[in-house]
Amino acid sequence: MNKLFYIVVYTFLVQFSFAQISSNRPQTPKAPFNYNTDSVEYDNADKTVHLGATLTYPKTKGPFAVAVMITGSGLQDRDETIFNHKPFAVIADYLTNRGIAVLRVDDRMIGKSKGDVKNATSQDFADDVITSINYLLTRKEIDKNKIGVIGHSEGGFIAPIVYTKYPKLAFIISLAGTGVSGATLLEKQLTNPSKMFLNEHSFNAYCVLIKKTLQTVYNNPAKNDSLTANDIKDVYTEWKKEQPDSILIATHANIATPEMYLTQFKFLLTPWMRYFIATEPGPFWRKVQCPVLALNGEKDIQVYAEENTSAIAASLQKANNKNVTIKIFPQLNHLFQHCKECTGAEYGKLEESFSPEVLDTINSWLQENILQK
């Protein structure tokens, strides 16, 4: 790998690639189960999307309240498997044993699911959730008035979009969901790790460049890709002109051409990323009237807890939503694991898949706000 300004690539490697993955995952559920487990498949209305899923529901008499799980960014299986962790299976097992049905679904082109991924955005994934809800409406085991969603990370952003499409949603549980735009999130994700090898002046200058790059995409979400690519190169060229040699050398920008910089950031021009960068979650949250539980980990370095929960709370206040519970858990990371290093590289080292106290909080809130209503 050339040195030429590969800060983002280096950051990714630091956070994830060097993780030592433990094979011990004591929370992963193992058969036999004390509840019904149905492997199901269904299509959207025009048959362009086929979804594979697992529906778990109690063996006692229904109908049951149900939670549709929504995965985070990237293509995930129905268990949201990462580093051998299966957090959605853990959540489903815990809730179903306590009287709540759960539907967890493979993302498009993963497992049993099929559908266009290349051109899909969070709006399309919200439509997939609607397809899942429509399937649940056909099941006699499901209480049609108590269908809600649990979304993790991007899934927590998709959840209020789903509400705008299906206002009968009974509840939303956001796990590290976003309250600010993707541009705001990415600015921190792409810059904060570089503090370990840039001095303060170089870091601040680098932050300016990343912010301007993201703002270029944010301001022109529908602009032609090639024109936006040229804009990104122009941002870099102008930034270079303003920097002293010391900063150019520290960031390796002294040898990186505009074309090299663009190569690094072409991922910003995919349809999903352009939508994510340019979309503010606030307008969706401001329409939500159903009960909301928003949970975050204090040590989350992907969706910063205070910033995002505050934004969600402010939007729900504007919606005049009176049933909102927000909680930040100390010493938990983005996956809701108890962490020590609290880095991305630690995800795979930890044996815990999902915090027991967060599971308890989710269940207690559902029992009080949904099952007893």
Protein backbone atom coordinates (compact mmCIF):
# COMPACT_ATOMS: atom_id res chain seq x y z
CA MET A 1 0.00 0.00 0.00
CA ASN A 2 1.35 3.45 -0.91
CA LYS A 3 1.62 6.06 1.76
CA LEU A 4 -0.30 8.52 -0.36
CA PHE A 5 -2.81 9.82 2.09
CA TYR A 6 -4.38 6.45 2.92
CA ILE A 7 -5.59 7.62 6.30
CA VAL A 8 -9.10 6.22 5.86
CA VAL A 9 -7.83 2.80 4.78
CA TYR A 10 -5.35 2.74 7.66
CA THR A 11 -8.10 3.70 10.08
CA PHE A 12 -10.25 0.78 8.89
CA LEU A 13 -7.38 -1.65 9.32
CA VAL A 14 -6.62 -0.36 12.79
CA GLN A 15 -10.25 -0.72 13.86
CA PHE A 16 -11.13 -4.08 12.37
CA SER A 17 -8.60 -6.14 10.46
CA PHE A 18 -6.21 -6.85 13.31
CA ALA A 19 -8.90 -8.15 15.66
CA GLN A 20 -8.21 -11.46 17.35
CA ILE A 21 -11.47 -13.33 16.96
CA SER A 22 -12.50 -15.52 19.87
CA SER A 23 -14.48 -18.63 19.02
CA ASN A 24 -16.26 -18.68 22.38
CA ARG A 25 -19.73 -17.12 22.14
CA PRO A 26 -21.60 -18.38 25.23
CA GLN A 27 -24.73 -16.29 24.58
CA THR A 28 -25.45 -17.76 21.14
CA PRO A 29 -28.72 -19.74 21.49
CA LYS A 30 -28.57 -23.47 20.91
CA ALA A 31 -31.39 -25.91 20.17
CA PRO A 32 -33.62 -27.30 21.47
CA PHE A 33 -35.61 -24.11 22.04
CA ASN A 34 -38.58 -23.55 24.33
CA TYR A 35 -40.46 -21.77 21.56
CA ASN A 36 -41.53 -22.23 17.95
CA THR A 37 -38.96 -21.46 15.24
CA ASP A 38 -40.23 -21.08 11.67
CA SER A 39 -37.91 -20.58 8.71
CA VAL A 40 -39.96 -18.50 6.28
CA GLU A 41 -39.64 -16.83 2.86
CA TYR A 42 -41.81 -14.20 1.19
CA ASP A 43 -41.78 -11.60 -1.61
CA ASN A 44 -42.58 -7.93 -1.96
CA ALA A 45 -45.61 -6.90 -4.01
CA ASP A 46 -43.92 -6.81 -7.42
CA LYS A 47 -41.70 -9.86 -6.77
CA THR A 48 -38.48 -7.87 -7.18
CA VAL A 49 -37.34 -8.68 -3.64
CA HIS A 50 -37.39 -12.11 -1.99
CA LEU A 51 -36.70 -12.28 1.74
CA GLY A 52 -35.65 -15.19 3.92
CA ALA A 53 -36.26 -14.93 7.65
CA THR A 54 -36.73 -16.70 10.96
CA LEU A 55 -39.90 -16.14 12.98
CA THR A 56 -39.76 -17.19 16.63
CA TYR A 57 -42.87 -17.14 18.81
CA PRO A 58 -43.95 -18.71 22.13
CA LYS A 59 -45.60 -22.12 22.36
CA THR A 60 -48.35 -20.64 24.51
CA LYS A 61 -51.56 -19.33 23.00
CA GLY A 62 -51.26 -16.12 21.00
CA PRO A 63 -51.61 -13.79 19.29
CA PHE A 64 -48.27 -12.22 20.23
CA ALA A 65 -46.65 -8.83 19.97
CA VAL A 66 -43.78 -9.00 17.51
CA ALA A 67 -40.54 -7.14 16.83
CA VAL A 68 -39.06 -6.98 13.33
CA MET A 69 -35.27 -6.76 13.55
CA ILE A 70 -33.49 -4.28 11.25
CA THR A 71 -29.78 -4.77 10.66
CA GLY A 72 -27.07 -2.13 10.51
CA SER A 73 -25.09 -0.90 7.50
CA GLY A 74 -23.47 -3.37 5.15
CA LEU A 75 -24.96 -6.69 4.10
CA GLN A 76 -25.89 -8.73 7.15
CA ASP A 77 -27.53 -12.08 7.75
CA ARG A 78 -30.64 -12.47 9.88
CA ASP A 79 -28.56 -12.87 13.05
CA GLU A 80 -26.52 -9.74 12.23
CA THR A 81 -23.45 -11.99 12.49
CA ILE A 82 -20.16 -10.16 13.07
CA PHE A 83 -16.91 -11.70 14.35
CA ASN A 84 -18.87 -14.89 15.18
CA HIS A 85 -21.27 -12.87 17.35
CA LYS A 86 -24.99 -13.31 16.58
CA PRO A 87 -26.60 -10.44 18.50
CA PHE A 88 -29.99 -10.65 16.77
CA ALA A 89 -30.26 -14.35 17.60
CA VAL A 90 -29.44 -13.50 21.22
CA ILE A 91 -32.11 -10.78 21.32
CA ALA A 92 -34.70 -12.99 19.63
CA ASP A 93 -34.06 -15.88 22.01
CA TYR A 94 -34.29 -13.62 25.06
CA LEU A 95 -37.51 -11.89 24.01
CA THR A 96 -39.30 -14.96 22.67
CA ASN A 97 -38.68 -16.75 25.96
CA ARG A 98 -40.53 -13.83 27.56
CA GLY A 99 -43.63 -13.91 25.37
CA ILE A 100 -42.62 -11.67 22.45
CA ALA A 101 -42.39 -12.93 18.87
CA VAL A 102 -39.40 -11.85 16.78
CA LEU A 103 -38.83 -11.79 13.02
CA ARG A 104 -35.20 -11.50 11.92
CA VAL A 105 -34.45 -11.21 8.22
CA ASP A 106 -31.52 -11.74 5.84
CA ASP A 107 -30.52 -8.59 3.98
CA ARG A 108 -30.79 -8.59 0.19
CA MET A 109 -28.36 -11.04 -1.47
CA ILE A 110 -27.49 -12.62 1.88
CA GLY A 111 -28.71 -16.05 2.95
CA LYS A 112 -32.12 -16.74 1.46
CA SER A 113 -32.79 -13.13 0.39
CA LYS A 114 -32.51 -11.67 -3.09
CA GLY A 115 -32.92 -8.19 -4.54
CA ASP A 116 -31.03 -5.25 -5.99
CA VAL A 117 -28.25 -4.09 -3.69
CA LYS A 118 -26.14 -1.94 -6.01
CA ASN A 119 -28.77 0.78 -6.34
CA ALA A 120 -30.53 0.34 -2.99
CA THR A 121 -30.66 2.99 -0.27
CA SER A 122 -32.03 3.05 3.27
CA GLN A 123 -35.42 3.90 1.75
CA ASP A 124 -35.38 0.60 -0.14
CA PHE A 125 -34.40 -1.28 3.00
CA ALA A 126 -37.31 0.41 4.78
CA ASP A 127 -39.56 -0.97 2.03
CA ASP A 128 -38.15 -4.42 2.84
CA VAL A 129 -39.27 -3.96 6.44
CA ILE A 130 -42.74 -3.08 5.16
CA THR A 131 -42.67 -6.33 3.14
CA SER A 132 -41.86 -8.17 6.38
CA ILE A 133 -44.69 -6.42 8.20
CA ASN A 134 -47.11 -7.37 5.41
CA TYR A 135 -46.01 -10.99 5.83
CA LEU A 136 -46.61 -10.84 9.59
CA LEU A 137 -50.13 -9.53 8.96
CA THR A 138 -50.90 -12.91 7.36
CA ARG A 139 -49.84 -14.89 10.44
CA LYS A 140 -52.55 -15.84 12.92
CA GLU A 141 -49.97 -16.05 15.70
CA ILE A 142 -49.28 -12.29 15.47
CA ASP A 143 -51.21 -9.48 17.16
CA LYS A 144 -51.70 -7.13 14.23
CA ASN A 145 -51.94 -4.13 16.55
CA LYS A 146 -48.60 -4.85 18.23
CA ILE A 147 -46.09 -4.97 15.40
CA GLY A 148 -42.94 -2.95 16.09
CA VAL A 149 -39.30 -2.74 15.03
CA ILE A 150 -35.89 -3.03 16.68
CA GLY A 151 -33.16 -1.43 14.59
CA HIS A 152 -29.42 -1.44 15.21
CA SER A 153 -27.16 1.34 13.87
CA GLU A 154 -28.44 2.09 10.34
CA GLY A 155 -31.44 -0.01 11.34
CA GLY A 156 -32.18 2.62 13.98
CA PHE A 157 -32.18 5.23 11.19
CA ILE A 158 -34.41 3.06 9.01
CA ALA A 159 -36.93 2.56 11.85
CA PRO A 160 -38.52 6.06 11.70
CA ILE A 161 -38.56 5.83 7.89
CA VAL A 162 -40.61 2.65 8.30
CA TYR A 163 -43.00 4.56 10.55
CA THR A 164 -43.64 7.15 7.81
CA LYS A 165 -44.63 4.28 5.52
CA TYR A 166 -46.57 2.35 8.19
CA PRO A 167 -47.93 4.70 10.88
CA LYS A 168 -49.65 1.77 12.63
CA LEU A 169 -46.26 0.70 13.97
CA ALA A 170 -46.71 -0.14 17.65
CA PHE A 171 -43.19 0.73 18.83
CA ILE A 172 -39.64 1.58 17.82
CA ILE A 173 -36.54 0.42 19.67
CA SER A 174 -33.39 2.11 18.43
CA LEU A 175 -30.07 0.45 19.29
CA ALA A 176 -27.28 2.93 18.51
CA GLY A 177 -29.54 4.53 15.93
CA THR A 178 -28.69 7.83 14.32
CA GLY A 179 -30.15 11.25 15.03
CA VAL A 180 -27.73 13.23 12.86
CA SER A 181 -26.86 12.99 9.17
CA GLY A 182 -24.41 10.51 7.73
CA ALA A 183 -22.14 13.43 6.86
CA THR A 184 -21.86 14.33 10.55
CA LEU A 185 -21.29 10.70 11.54
CA LEU A 186 -18.67 10.03 8.90
CA GLU A 187 -16.74 13.18 9.67
CA LYS A 188 -15.91 11.79 13.09
CA GLN A 189 -15.53 8.18 11.97
CA LEU A 190 -13.03 9.16 9.27
CA THR A 191 -10.99 11.59 11.34
CA ASN A 192 -10.92 10.66 15.03
CA PRO A 193 -8.70 7.56 14.68
CA SER A 194 -6.06 9.64 12.85
CA LYS A 195 -5.31 11.44 16.12
CA MET A 196 -2.93 8.60 16.93
CA PHE A 197 -0.48 9.56 14.16
CA LEU A 198 -1.17 13.25 13.40
CA ASN A 199 -0.26 16.21 15.56
CA GLU A 200 -2.95 18.72 16.50
CA HIS A 201 -2.36 21.11 13.59
CA SER A 202 -2.25 18.35 11.00
CA PHE A 203 -5.31 16.67 12.48
CA ASN A 204 -7.33 19.90 12.41
CA ALA A 205 -6.32 20.51 8.81
CA TYR A 206 -7.28 16.97 7.86
CA CYS A 207 -10.67 17.45 9.54
CA VAL A 208 -11.28 20.52 7.40
CA LEU A 209 -10.58 18.52 4.24
CA ILE A 210 -12.86 15.64 5.22
CA LYS A 211 -15.66 18.01 6.24
CA LYS A 212 -15.48 19.86 2.93
CA THR A 213 -15.41 16.57 1.02
CA LEU A 214 -18.50 15.26 2.81
CA GLN A 215 -20.24 18.62 2.48
CA THR A 216 -19.76 18.42 -1.28
CA VAL A 217 -21.75 15.19 -1.37
CA TYR A 218 -24.25 16.40 1.25
CA ASN A 219 -25.07 19.57 -0.70
CA ASN A 220 -25.59 17.83 -4.05
CA PRO A 221 -27.17 14.42 -3.45
CA ALA A 222 -28.65 14.16 -6.95
CA LYS A 223 -25.69 15.58 -8.87
CA ASN A 224 -24.09 13.42 -11.57
CA ASP A 225 -21.39 11.15 -10.15
CA SER A 226 -18.69 12.33 -12.55
CA LEU A 227 -19.42 15.97 -11.74
CA THR A 228 -19.37 15.26 -8.01
CA ALA A 229 -16.09 13.40 -8.49
CA ASN A 230 -14.61 16.49 -10.11
CA ASP A 231 -15.91 18.59 -7.22
CA ILE A 232 -14.14 16.29 -4.74
CA LYS A 233 -10.88 16.65 -6.66
CA ASP A 234 -11.32 20.42 -6.67
CA VAL A 235 -11.88 20.43 -2.89
CA TYR A 236 -8.64 18.55 -2.43
CA THR A 237 -6.70 20.77 -4.83
CA GLU A 238 -7.86 23.96 -3.11
CA TRP A 239 -7.16 22.49 0.33
CA LYS A 240 -3.59 21.62 -0.68
CA LYS A 241 -2.93 25.19 -1.80
CA GLU A 242 -3.81 26.45 1.68
CA GLN A 243 -1.58 24.05 3.66
CA PRO A 244 2.04 24.53 4.73
CA ASP A 245 4.59 21.89 3.77
CA SER A 246 4.59 20.48 7.30
CA ILE A 247 0.93 19.47 7.08
CA LEU A 248 1.24 18.18 3.50
CA ILE A 249 4.12 15.94 4.54
CA ALA A 250 2.40 14.72 7.71
CA THR A 251 -0.70 13.68 5.78
CA HIS A 252 1.30 12.49 2.72
CA ALA A 253 -0.66 14.98 0.65
CA ASN A 254 2.65 16.22 -0.74
CA ILE A 255 2.73 13.15 -3.01
CA ALA A 256 -1.00 12.42 -3.40
CA THR A 257 -2.61 13.78 -6.56
CA PRO A 258 -6.30 14.77 -6.79
CA GLU A 259 -6.92 11.53 -8.71
CA MET A 260 -5.36 9.53 -5.88
CA TYR A 261 -7.51 11.35 -3.33
CA LEU A 262 -10.65 10.69 -5.38
CA THR A 263 -9.81 6.98 -5.62
CA GLN A 264 -9.85 6.83 -1.85
CA PHE A 265 -13.23 8.51 -1.59
CA LYS A 266 -15.11 7.03 -4.53
CA PHE A 267 -17.06 4.95 -2.02
CA LEU A 268 -18.90 8.17 -1.14
CA LEU A 269 -20.57 8.11 -4.58
CA THR A 270 -22.54 4.86 -4.24
CA PRO A 271 -26.33 5.37 -4.13
CA TRP A 272 -26.55 4.05 -0.56
CA MET A 273 -23.73 6.26 0.71
CA ARG A 274 -24.98 9.38 -1.09
CA TYR A 275 -28.40 8.94 0.50
CA PHE A 276 -26.91 8.22 3.93
CA ILE A 277 -24.62 11.27 3.81
CA ALA A 278 -27.27 13.70 2.61
CA THR A 279 -30.24 12.57 4.69
CA GLU A 280 -31.14 14.10 8.04
CA PRO A 281 -32.97 11.61 10.30
CA GLY A 282 -34.75 14.45 12.12
CA PRO A 283 -37.64 14.90 9.65
CA PHE A 284 -38.49 11.19 10.00
CA TRP A 285 -38.22 11.14 13.79
CA ARG A 286 -40.44 14.26 13.96
CA LYS A 287 -43.31 12.23 12.52
CA VAL A 288 -43.09 9.35 14.99
CA GLN A 289 -46.02 9.08 17.43
CA CYS A 290 -45.58 5.52 18.70
CA PRO A 291 -43.62 4.64 21.88
CA VAL A 292 -39.84 4.91 21.37
CA LEU A 293 -36.97 3.36 23.31
CA ALA A 294 -33.58 4.72 22.20
CA LEU A 295 -30.49 3.05 23.67
CA ASN A 296 -26.80 3.74 23.08
CA GLY A 297 -23.46 2.67 24.49
CA GLU A 298 -21.35 5.35 26.12
CA LYS A 299 -18.18 4.02 24.44
CA ASP A 300 -19.64 3.81 20.93
CA ILE A 301 -17.07 5.15 18.44
CA GLN A 302 -19.32 4.73 15.39
CA VAL A 303 -22.57 6.40 16.50
CA TYR A 304 -21.62 8.81 19.25
CA ALA A 305 -24.11 8.38 22.06
CA GLU A 306 -24.74 11.87 23.42
CA GLU A 307 -24.83 13.56 20.03
CA ASN A 308 -27.29 11.11 18.50
CA THR A 309 -29.60 10.49 21.47
CA SER A 310 -29.89 14.25 21.99
CA ALA A 311 -30.85 14.74 18.35
CA ILE A 312 -33.41 11.93 18.48
CA ALA A 313 -34.89 13.33 21.71
CA ALA A 314 -35.15 16.82 20.22
CA SER A 315 -36.92 15.53 17.12
CA LEU A 316 -39.37 13.44 19.14
CA GLN A 317 -40.09 16.43 21.35
CA LYS A 318 -41.03 18.38 18.22
CA ALA A 319 -43.33 15.49 17.33
CA ASN A 320 -44.96 15.98 20.75
CA ASN A 321 -44.31 12.29 21.42
CA LYS A 322 -44.97 11.73 25.13
CA ASN A 323 -43.76 8.11 25.31
CA VAL A 324 -40.00 8.34 24.82
CA THR A 325 -37.31 6.61 26.88
CA ILE A 326 -33.65 7.29 26.20
CA LYS A 327 -30.75 5.65 28.00
CA ILE A 328 -26.97 5.62 27.55
CA PHE A 329 -25.23 2.61 29.08
CA PRO A 330 -21.76 3.10 30.56
CA GLN A 331 -18.82 1.09 29.21
CA LEU A 332 -20.73 -0.37 26.27
CA ASN A 333 -19.54 -0.16 22.65
CA HIS A 334 -21.44 0.04 19.36
CA LEU A 335 -22.40 -3.65 19.58
CA PHE A 336 -23.58 -3.21 23.18
CA GLN A 337 -20.70 -5.25 24.56
CA HIS A 338 -18.91 -4.40 27.80
CA CYS A 339 -15.58 -3.17 26.48
CA LYS A 340 -12.14 -2.45 27.90
CA GLU A 341 -10.21 -1.03 24.95
CA CYS A 342 -13.48 0.10 23.35
CA THR A 343 -12.08 -0.04 19.82
CA GLY A 344 -13.43 -1.70 16.71
CA ALA A 345 -10.62 -4.22 16.90
CA GLU A 346 -11.94 -5.41 20.25
CA TYR A 347 -15.35 -6.53 18.93
CA GLY A 348 -14.05 -9.94 17.97
CA LYS A 349 -11.93 -10.42 21.09
CA LEU A 350 -14.87 -10.12 23.48
CA GLU A 351 -16.89 -13.21 24.36
CA GLU A 352 -20.00 -11.22 25.22
CA SER A 353 -22.32 -10.77 22.24
CA PHE A 354 -24.89 -8.44 23.80
CA SER A 355 -25.18 -6.80 27.21
CA PRO A 356 -27.59 -8.61 29.60
CA GLU A 357 -28.70 -5.31 31.17
CA VAL A 358 -29.69 -3.97 27.76
CA LEU A 359 -31.70 -7.14 27.13
CA ASP A 360 -33.42 -6.63 30.49
CA THR A 361 -34.14 -2.99 29.64
CA ILE A 362 -35.67 -3.89 26.27
CA ASN A 363 -37.86 -6.59 27.78
CA SER A 364 -39.02 -4.50 30.75
CA TRP A 365 -39.89 -1.59 28.46
CA LEU A 366 -41.84 -3.84 26.08
CA GLN A 367 -43.70 -5.53 28.95
CA GLU A 368 -44.75 -2.16 30.38
CA ASN A 369 -45.44 -0.20 27.19
CA ILE A 370 -46.69 -2.81 24.74
CA LEU A 371 -47.70 -6.12 26.31
CA GLN A 372 -49.68 -4.62 29.18
CA LYS A 373 -51.53 -2.14 26.98
